[in-house]
């Protein structure tokens, strides 16, 4: 059974979406109005995402919040 935390799943999914779309943490911070330092903490697992942040990130990427919680996004190197 996978015991990965929900916040870890969101972080993994968000990093994958950033890579797939060629975006940076800085651009995500700007577009979502979430502080860059906050995003870095969330993506590095030092603090959990809030519900509002999940909604904002999902809207930015035009995906459902549930897609961030159960990430179907995997970046594979060729």
C-alpha atoms as a PDB file:
ATOM      1  CA  UNK A   1       0.000   0.000   0.000  1.00  0.00           C
ATOM      2  CA  UNK A   2       1.230   3.495  -0.868  1.00  0.00           C
ATOM      3  CA  UNK A   3       1.432   5.732   2.183  1.00  0.00           C
ATOM      4  CA  UNK A   4       2.696   8.805   0.381  1.00  0.00           C
ATOM      5  CA  UNK A   5       1.132  11.928   1.897  1.00  0.00           C
ATOM      6  CA  UNK A   6      -1.398  13.912  -0.078  1.00  0.00           C
ATOM      7  CA  UNK A   7       0.871  16.946   0.014  1.00  0.00           C
ATOM      8  CA  UNK A   8       3.725  14.860  -1.429  1.00  0.00           C
ATOM      9  CA  UNK A   9       1.449  13.695  -4.224  1.00  0.00           C
ATOM     10  CA  UNK A  10       0.451  17.281  -4.996  1.00  0.00           C
ATOM     11  CA  UNK A  11       4.105  18.337  -4.996  1.00  0.00           C
ATOM     12  CA  UNK A  12       5.066  15.500  -7.343  1.00  0.00           C
ATOM     13  CA  UNK A  13       2.146  16.223  -9.631  1.00  0.00           C
ATOM     14  CA  UNK A  14       2.851  19.962  -9.669  1.00  0.00           C
ATOM     15  CA  UNK A  15       6.538  19.441 -10.454  1.00  0.00           C
ATOM     16  CA  UNK A  16       5.574  17.078 -13.276  1.00  0.00           C
ATOM     17  CA  UNK A  17       3.075  19.563 -14.715  1.00  0.00           C
ATOM     18  CA  UNK A  18       5.668  22.324 -14.537  1.00  0.00           C
ATOM     19  CA  UNK A  19       8.110  20.147 -16.469  1.00  0.00           C
ATOM     20  CA  UNK A  20       5.520  19.014 -19.015  1.00  0.00           C
ATOM     21  CA  UNK A  21       4.519  22.591 -19.746  1.00  0.00           C
ATOM     22  CA  UNK A  22       8.007  24.051 -19.621  1.00  0.00           C
ATOM     23  CA  UNK A  23       7.146  26.363 -16.743  1.00  0.00           C
ATOM     24  CA  UNK A  24       9.170  27.361 -13.718  1.00  0.00           C
ATOM     25  CA  UNK A  25       8.293  27.722 -10.055  1.00  0.00           C
ATOM     26  CA  UNK A  26       8.766  31.452 -10.535  1.00  0.00           C
ATOM     27  CA  UNK A  27       6.184  31.596 -13.330  1.00  0.00           C
ATOM     28  CA  UNK A  28       3.735  29.486 -11.319  1.00  0.00           C
ATOM     29  CA  UNK A  29       4.188  31.813  -8.350  1.00  0.00           C
ATOM     30  CA  UNK A  30       3.536  34.847 -10.524  1.00  0.00           C
ATOM     31  CA  UNK A  31       0.495  33.378 -12.284  1.00  0.00           C
ATOM     32  CA  UNK A  32      -1.129  32.032  -9.122  1.00  0.00           C
ATOM     33  CA  UNK A  33      -0.174  34.874  -6.777  1.00  0.00           C
ATOM     34  CA  UNK A  34       1.333  32.306  -4.369  1.00  0.00           C
ATOM     35  CA  UNK A  35       4.628  33.526  -2.946  1.00  0.00           C
ATOM     36  CA  UNK A  36       7.680  31.908  -4.519  1.00  0.00           C
ATOM     37  CA  UNK A  37       9.080  31.018  -1.094  1.00  0.00           C
ATOM     38  CA  UNK A  38       5.764  29.393  -0.148  1.00  0.00           C
ATOM     39  CA  UNK A  39       5.705  27.300  -3.316  1.00  0.00           C
ATOM     40  CA  UNK A  40       9.280  26.173  -2.739  1.00  0.00           C
ATOM     41  CA  UNK A  41       8.423  25.078   0.821  1.00  0.00           C
ATOM     42  CA  UNK A  42       5.386  23.172  -0.421  1.00  0.00           C
ATOM     43  CA  UNK A  43       7.214  21.519  -3.314  1.00  0.00           C
ATOM     44  CA  UNK A  44      10.121  20.525  -1.073  1.00  0.00           C
ATOM     45  CA  UNK A  45       7.755  18.963   1.469  1.00  0.00           C
ATOM     46  CA  UNK A  46       8.561  21.368   4.285  1.00  0.00           C
ATOM     47  CA  UNK A  47       4.923  22.435   4.685  1.00  0.00           C
ATOM     48  CA  UNK A  48       1.590  21.164   3.349  1.00  0.00           C
ATOM     49  CA  UNK A  49      -0.484  22.762   0.609  1.00  0.00           C
ATOM     50  CA  UNK A  50      -3.659  24.567   1.644  1.00  0.00           C
ATOM     51  CA  UNK A  51      -7.029  23.875   0.042  1.00  0.00           C
ATOM     52  CA  UNK A  52      -6.962  27.331  -1.564  1.00  0.00           C
ATOM     53  CA  UNK A  53      -3.510  26.658  -3.025  1.00  0.00           C
ATOM     54  CA  UNK A  54      -4.693  23.322  -4.447  1.00  0.00           C
ATOM     55  CA  UNK A  55      -7.617  25.042  -6.124  1.00  0.00           C
ATOM     56  CA  UNK A  56      -5.447  27.839  -7.500  1.00  0.00           C
ATOM     57  CA  UNK A  57      -2.803  25.466  -8.864  1.00  0.00           C
ATOM     58  CA  UNK A  58      -5.439  23.197 -10.410  1.00  0.00           C
ATOM     59  CA  UNK A  59      -7.067  26.196 -12.089  1.00  0.00           C
ATOM     60  CA  UNK A  60      -3.721  27.371 -13.420  1.00  0.00           C
ATOM     61  CA  UNK A  61      -3.012  24.001 -15.021  1.00  0.00           C
ATOM     62  CA  UNK A  62      -6.665  23.534 -16.055  1.00  0.00           C
ATOM     63  CA  UNK A  63      -6.958  20.225 -14.203  1.00  0.00           C
ATOM     64  CA  UNK A  64      -9.193  19.030 -11.382  1.00  0.00           C
ATOM     65  CA  UNK A  65      -7.959  19.184  -7.790  1.00  0.00           C
ATOM     66  CA  UNK A  66      -8.366  15.402  -7.702  1.00  0.00           C
ATOM     67  CA  UNK A  67      -5.835  15.136 -10.529  1.00  0.00           C
ATOM     68  CA  UNK A  68      -3.265  16.774  -8.274  1.00  0.00           C
ATOM     69  CA  UNK A  69      -4.072  14.401  -5.412  1.00  0.00           C
ATOM     70  CA  UNK A  70      -3.724  11.264  -7.504  1.00  0.00           C
ATOM     71  CA  UNK A  71      -1.139  12.349 -10.014  1.00  0.00           C
ATOM     72  CA  UNK A  72      -1.445  10.779 -13.436  1.00  0.00           C
ATOM     73  CA  UNK A  73       1.366  13.040 -14.596  1.00  0.00           C
ATOM     74  CA  UNK A  74       4.696  11.304 -14.945  1.00  0.00           C
ATOM     75  CA  UNK A  75       7.621  12.877 -16.725  1.00  0.00           C
ATOM     76  CA  UNK A  76       9.724  10.198 -18.325  1.00  0.00           C
ATOM     77  CA  UNK A  77      13.100  10.885 -19.799  1.00  0.00           C
ATOM     78  CA  UNK A  78      13.740   9.499 -23.258  1.00  0.00           C
END
